[in-house]
């Protein structure tokens, strides 16, 4: 009988680390994906400099290899996606760091509770900026309308070309007439523009005319349309200003032209 002293029977084998594998069962080592800094940058469409910056800011931790190289796990790609999404919402890095801490806790409810006030603050800031942009558009449109006037003789003073205080500045440039200078089809198009702009607005009677309150975002369009109206109907006057997030348009006309103004912007 041949002796195989180097073999151990299956029944006498002791499991290692408490793991008892049945005969025929195949076990595989789990593959863990890691990246060095250049690989993670290529994987996520960022740059190594950005990844180093995020590490300095406490947004993207990195392990170190035996050789001292930065090493990232697969979760780093998800973390970078989270950061990119937050930046697209205009959130600063300080807020993103706070959100990442909540995200690391693993509870969606925790993250949402921290995110909600940050988004509300960003919305308020965006609305303020939109109001400022609308006011600027209104001033630019008013200044542009002034350029339709004949140039003054001699040297131009600042108010001649750069006055952006309101659409009424164009009144003096219009030719003196008591009728609309637009042809019938042009009048119809202009009236349709007014109807579209003022849809849903409630006119308020004022001395000699009507006041209309519009969203601040409509200031630029209102200024341009008012300037166009003054050029063809110089008996109308318009002033536009912004207050409390609204664009306030005042339209006035001589007594004999009030019915025309009424037809244009509402009942006077």
Protein backbone atom coordinates (compact mmCIF):
# COMPACT_ATOMS: atom_id res chain seq x y z
CA UNK A 1 0.00 0.00 0.00
CA UNK A 2 1.30 3.35 -0.96
CA UNK A 3 1.45 5.92 1.82
CA UNK A 4 0.69 9.61 1.18
CA UNK A 5 1.93 11.16 4.35
CA UNK A 6 1.74 14.69 2.89
CA UNK A 7 -2.05 14.68 2.44
CA UNK A 8 -4.65 15.49 5.06
CA UNK A 9 -8.10 13.99 4.81
CA UNK A 10 -11.06 16.40 4.31
CA UNK A 11 -12.61 15.26 7.57
CA UNK A 12 -9.51 16.26 9.54
CA UNK A 13 -9.17 19.78 8.08
CA UNK A 14 -9.90 22.61 10.47
CA UNK A 15 -11.68 25.69 9.17
CA UNK A 16 -9.66 28.87 9.07
CA UNK A 17 -11.01 31.95 10.81
CA UNK A 18 -14.23 30.12 11.53
CA UNK A 19 -15.14 29.82 7.83
CA UNK A 20 -16.16 26.28 6.79
CA UNK A 21 -16.39 25.93 3.02
CA UNK A 22 -18.33 22.99 1.66
CA UNK A 23 -16.60 20.68 -0.83
CA UNK A 24 -16.94 22.01 -4.36
CA UNK A 25 -17.69 25.61 -3.26
CA UNK A 26 -15.54 28.18 -5.04
CA UNK A 27 -14.54 31.33 -3.16
CA UNK A 28 -13.16 34.42 -4.84
CA UNK A 29 -11.42 37.39 -3.34
CA UNK A 30 -13.57 40.52 -3.72
CA UNK A 31 -12.11 42.98 -6.19
CA UNK A 32 -11.68 46.49 -4.80
CA UNK A 33 -11.19 49.30 -7.30
CA UNK A 34 -8.74 51.99 -6.30
CA UNK A 35 -7.40 54.98 -8.16
CA UNK A 36 -4.34 57.10 -8.00
CA UNK A 37 -4.95 60.80 -8.45
CA UNK A 38 -4.45 60.83 -12.22
CA UNK A 39 -6.75 57.84 -12.68
CA UNK A 40 -9.54 59.36 -10.59
CA UNK A 41 -9.20 62.66 -12.45
CA UNK A 42 -9.57 60.89 -15.78
CA UNK A 43 -12.45 58.76 -14.46
CA UNK A 44 -14.44 61.80 -13.28
CA UNK A 45 -13.45 64.46 -15.80
CA UNK A 46 -11.68 66.63 -13.24
CA UNK A 47 -8.03 67.53 -12.81
CA UNK A 48 -5.44 66.42 -10.27
CA UNK A 49 -5.16 70.02 -9.07
CA UNK A 50 -8.91 70.06 -8.35
CA UNK A 51 -8.68 66.81 -6.39
CA UNK A 52 -5.79 68.14 -4.31
CA UNK A 53 -7.78 71.32 -3.64
CA UNK A 54 -10.82 69.33 -2.53
CA UNK A 55 -8.62 67.36 -0.18
CA UNK A 56 -7.24 70.57 1.34
CA UNK A 57 -10.81 71.84 1.80
CA UNK A 58 -11.87 68.68 3.60
CA UNK A 59 -14.21 67.51 0.85
CA UNK A 60 -12.34 64.50 -0.55
CA UNK A 61 -10.23 62.39 1.81
CA UNK A 62 -7.42 60.33 0.33
CA UNK A 63 -5.42 57.39 1.67
CA UNK A 64 -1.71 57.03 0.98
CA UNK A 65 0.14 54.15 -0.60
CA UNK A 66 3.37 52.78 0.82
CA UNK A 67 5.17 54.98 -1.67
CA UNK A 68 3.27 58.06 -0.50
CA UNK A 69 0.91 58.38 -3.48
CA UNK A 70 -2.71 59.39 -2.96
CA UNK A 71 -5.10 56.45 -3.27
CA UNK A 72 -8.87 56.76 -3.70
CA UNK A 73 -11.63 54.19 -3.53
CA UNK A 74 -14.63 53.83 -5.83
CA UNK A 75 -16.69 55.94 -3.41
CA UNK A 76 -14.51 58.92 -4.32
CA UNK A 77 -16.15 59.07 -7.76
CA UNK A 78 -19.59 59.22 -6.13
CA UNK A 79 -18.35 61.90 -3.77
CA UNK A 80 -17.10 64.00 -6.68
CA UNK A 81 -20.46 63.60 -8.41
CA UNK A 82 -22.16 64.86 -5.24
CA UNK A 83 -19.83 67.87 -5.13
CA UNK A 84 -20.44 68.66 -8.81
CA UNK A 85 -24.23 68.50 -8.34
CA UNK A 86 -24.04 70.83 -5.35
CA UNK A 87 -21.85 73.31 -7.22
CA UNK A 88 -24.34 73.38 -10.10
CA UNK A 89 -26.92 74.59 -7.56
CA UNK A 90 -24.58 77.43 -6.64
CA UNK A 91 -23.77 76.10 -3.18
CA UNK A 92 -20.45 77.30 -1.71
CA UNK A 93 -17.81 74.86 -0.54
CA UNK A 94 -18.59 75.54 3.13
CA UNK A 95 -22.17 74.37 2.57
CA UNK A 96 -21.02 71.41 0.49
CA UNK A 97 -18.71 70.32 3.29
CA UNK A 98 -21.64 70.36 5.71
CA UNK A 99 -23.79 68.38 3.29
CA UNK A 100 -21.08 65.79 2.77
CA UNK A 101 -20.95 65.26 6.52
CA UNK A 102 -24.70 64.62 6.49
CA UNK A 103 -24.34 62.37 3.44
CA UNK A 104 -21.67 60.33 5.22
CA UNK A 105 -24.15 59.65 8.03
CA UNK A 106 -26.10 57.58 5.52
CA UNK A 107 -29.60 58.88 6.33
CA UNK A 108 -31.46 60.58 3.50
CA UNK A 109 -33.72 62.42 5.97
CA UNK A 110 -30.69 64.00 7.66
CA UNK A 111 -29.31 65.21 4.36
CA UNK A 112 -32.66 66.66 3.30
CA UNK A 113 -33.08 68.51 6.57
CA UNK A 114 -29.71 70.19 6.10
CA UNK A 115 -30.20 70.84 2.40
CA UNK A 116 -33.64 72.48 2.60
CA UNK A 117 -32.61 75.78 4.28
CA UNK A 118 -29.56 76.05 2.03
CA UNK A 119 -31.73 75.81 -1.09
CA UNK A 120 -34.25 78.31 0.30
CA UNK A 121 -31.43 80.79 0.90
CA UNK A 122 -30.07 80.26 -2.61
CA UNK A 123 -33.53 80.84 -4.12
CA UNK A 124 -33.91 84.12 -2.21
CA UNK A 125 -30.46 85.23 -3.36
CA UNK A 126 -31.21 84.26 -6.97
CA UNK A 127 -34.45 86.25 -6.89
CA UNK A 128 -32.61 89.30 -5.55
CA UNK A 129 -30.06 88.99 -8.34
CA UNK A 130 -32.86 88.59 -10.89
CA UNK A 131 -34.46 91.81 -9.64
CA UNK A 132 -31.14 93.61 -9.95
CA UNK A 133 -30.66 92.23 -13.46
CA UNK A 134 -34.19 93.28 -14.44
CA UNK A 135 -33.55 96.79 -13.14
CA UNK A 136 -30.33 96.97 -15.16
CA UNK A 137 -32.13 95.77 -18.29
CA UNK A 138 -34.71 98.49 -17.75
CA UNK A 139 -32.06 101.20 -17.46
CA UNK A 140 -30.18 99.90 -20.49
CA UNK A 141 -33.37 99.73 -22.55
CA UNK A 142 -34.28 103.29 -21.58
CA UNK A 143 -30.80 104.53 -22.47
CA UNK A 144 -30.97 102.68 -25.79
CA UNK A 145 -34.32 104.27 -26.60
CA UNK A 146 -32.76 107.73 -26.09
CA UNK A 147 -30.36 107.05 -28.95
CA UNK A 148 -33.30 107.13 -31.37
CA UNK A 149 -33.55 110.91 -30.83
CA UNK A 150 -31.74 113.32 -33.16
CA UNK A 151 -28.30 114.15 -31.73
CA UNK A 152 -27.90 117.46 -29.97
CA UNK A 153 -25.93 120.21 -31.66
CA UNK A 154 -22.39 120.44 -30.39
CA UNK A 155 -20.97 118.57 -27.47
CA UNK A 156 -23.02 115.76 -25.92
CA UNK A 157 -23.66 116.02 -22.19
CA UNK A 158 -23.83 112.81 -20.09
CA UNK A 159 -27.62 112.85 -19.79
CA UNK A 160 -28.04 113.06 -23.54
CA UNK A 161 -26.84 109.53 -24.24
CA UNK A 162 -26.46 107.80 -20.90
CA UNK A 163 -29.75 108.63 -19.19
CA UNK A 164 -31.25 105.30 -18.15
CA UNK A 165 -33.69 106.59 -15.55
CA UNK A 166 -36.84 105.69 -17.42
CA UNK A 167 -38.65 105.31 -20.72
CA UNK A 168 -40.09 108.81 -20.40
CA UNK A 169 -36.72 110.21 -21.46
CA UNK A 170 -37.61 109.36 -25.05
CA UNK A 171 -40.65 111.63 -25.11
CA UNK A 172 -38.80 114.79 -26.07
CA UNK A 173 -37.24 113.03 -29.03
CA UNK A 174 -40.51 112.11 -30.66
CA UNK A 175 -42.00 114.33 -33.37
CA UNK A 176 -44.92 116.49 -32.36
CA UNK A 177 -48.16 114.95 -33.54
CA UNK A 178 -51.59 114.05 -32.18
CA UNK A 179 -51.89 110.70 -33.88
CA UNK A 180 -50.10 107.35 -33.87
CA UNK A 181 -47.37 107.20 -36.48
CA UNK A 182 -47.61 103.45 -36.99
CA UNK A 183 -49.56 101.98 -39.90
CA UNK A 184 -52.63 99.95 -39.03
CA UNK A 185 -50.86 96.59 -39.11
CA UNK A 186 -48.06 97.99 -36.93
CA UNK A 187 -50.59 99.28 -34.43
CA UNK A 188 -52.18 95.83 -34.24
CA UNK A 189 -48.82 94.17 -33.58
CA UNK A 190 -47.91 96.73 -30.93
CA UNK A 191 -51.27 96.32 -29.22
CA UNK A 192 -50.77 92.54 -29.19
CA UNK A 193 -47.37 93.07 -27.53
CA UNK A 194 -49.00 95.16 -24.81
CA UNK A 195 -51.76 92.61 -24.29
CA UNK A 196 -49.18 89.85 -23.87
CA UNK A 197 -47.05 91.91 -21.47
CA UNK A 198 -50.01 92.97 -19.32
CA UNK A 199 -51.82 89.63 -19.25
CA UNK A 200 -52.99 89.09 -15.69
CA UNK A 201 -51.95 92.56 -14.49
CA UNK A 202 -54.46 94.82 -12.73
CA UNK A 203 -54.31 98.47 -13.82
CA UNK A 204 -54.65 101.11 -11.07
CA UNK A 205 -55.98 104.59 -11.92
CA UNK A 206 -53.56 107.44 -11.18
CA UNK A 207 -53.70 111.16 -11.93
CA UNK A 208 -53.85 111.48 -15.71
CA UNK A 209 -53.29 107.84 -16.47
CA UNK A 210 -52.86 104.32 -15.17
CA UNK A 211 -50.34 102.35 -13.15
CA UNK A 212 -49.52 98.70 -13.83
CA UNK A 213 -47.51 96.41 -11.56
CA UNK A 214 -45.46 93.73 -13.25
CA UNK A 215 -42.91 91.13 -12.15
CA UNK A 216 -39.42 92.61 -11.88
CA UNK A 217 -38.27 90.23 -14.59
CA UNK A 218 -40.58 92.05 -17.06
CA UNK A 219 -38.91 95.44 -16.52
CA UNK A 220 -36.66 95.22 -19.56
CA UNK A 221 -39.48 94.26 -21.88
CA UNK A 222 -41.76 96.96 -20.43
CA UNK A 223 -39.09 99.64 -20.90
CA UNK A 224 -38.44 98.64 -24.50
CA UNK A 225 -42.15 98.51 -25.35
CA UNK A 226 -42.83 101.86 -23.67
CA UNK A 227 -39.96 103.47 -25.57
CA UNK A 228 -41.31 102.07 -28.83
CA UNK A 229 -44.76 103.39 -27.98
CA UNK A 230 -43.45 106.89 -27.28
CA UNK A 231 -41.73 107.01 -30.66
CA UNK A 232 -44.97 106.31 -32.49
CA UNK A 233 -47.38 108.00 -30.04
CA UNK A 234 -45.55 110.99 -28.54
CA UNK A 235 -48.64 112.13 -26.63
CA UNK A 236 -48.12 109.19 -24.21
CA UNK A 237 -45.60 109.37 -21.38
CA UNK A 238 -44.25 106.40 -19.42
CA UNK A 239 -42.15 106.10 -16.31
CA UNK A 240 -40.79 102.83 -14.98
CA UNK A 241 -39.21 102.05 -11.63
CA UNK A 242 -38.60 99.00 -9.48
CA UNK A 243 -39.69 98.62 -5.86
CA UNK A 244 -40.22 95.62 -3.59
CA UNK A 245 -39.47 93.15 -6.35
CA UNK A 246 -41.97 94.69 -8.79
CA UNK A 247 -41.66 96.71 -11.99
CA UNK A 248 -44.09 99.63 -11.69
CA UNK A 249 -45.10 101.21 -14.99
CA UNK A 250 -46.99 104.53 -14.98
CA UNK A 251 -48.63 105.56 -18.27
CA UNK A 252 -50.15 109.00 -18.80
CA UNK A 253 -51.82 110.89 -21.63
CA UNK A 254 -53.56 114.25 -22.20
CA UNK A 255 -57.29 114.27 -21.48
CA UNK A 256 -58.15 113.90 -25.13
CA UNK A 257 -55.96 110.84 -25.41
CA UNK A 258 -57.11 108.98 -22.32
CA UNK A 259 -59.41 106.68 -24.32
CA UNK A 260 -56.43 105.62 -26.46
CA UNK A 261 -54.38 104.97 -23.34
CA UNK A 262 -57.29 103.01 -21.90
CA UNK A 263 -57.38 100.82 -24.95
CA UNK A 264 -53.62 100.33 -24.71
CA UNK A 265 -53.02 99.42 -21.08
CA UNK A 266 -56.36 99.22 -19.33
CA UNK A 267 -59.32 101.20 -18.02
CA UNK A 268 -58.42 104.72 -16.79
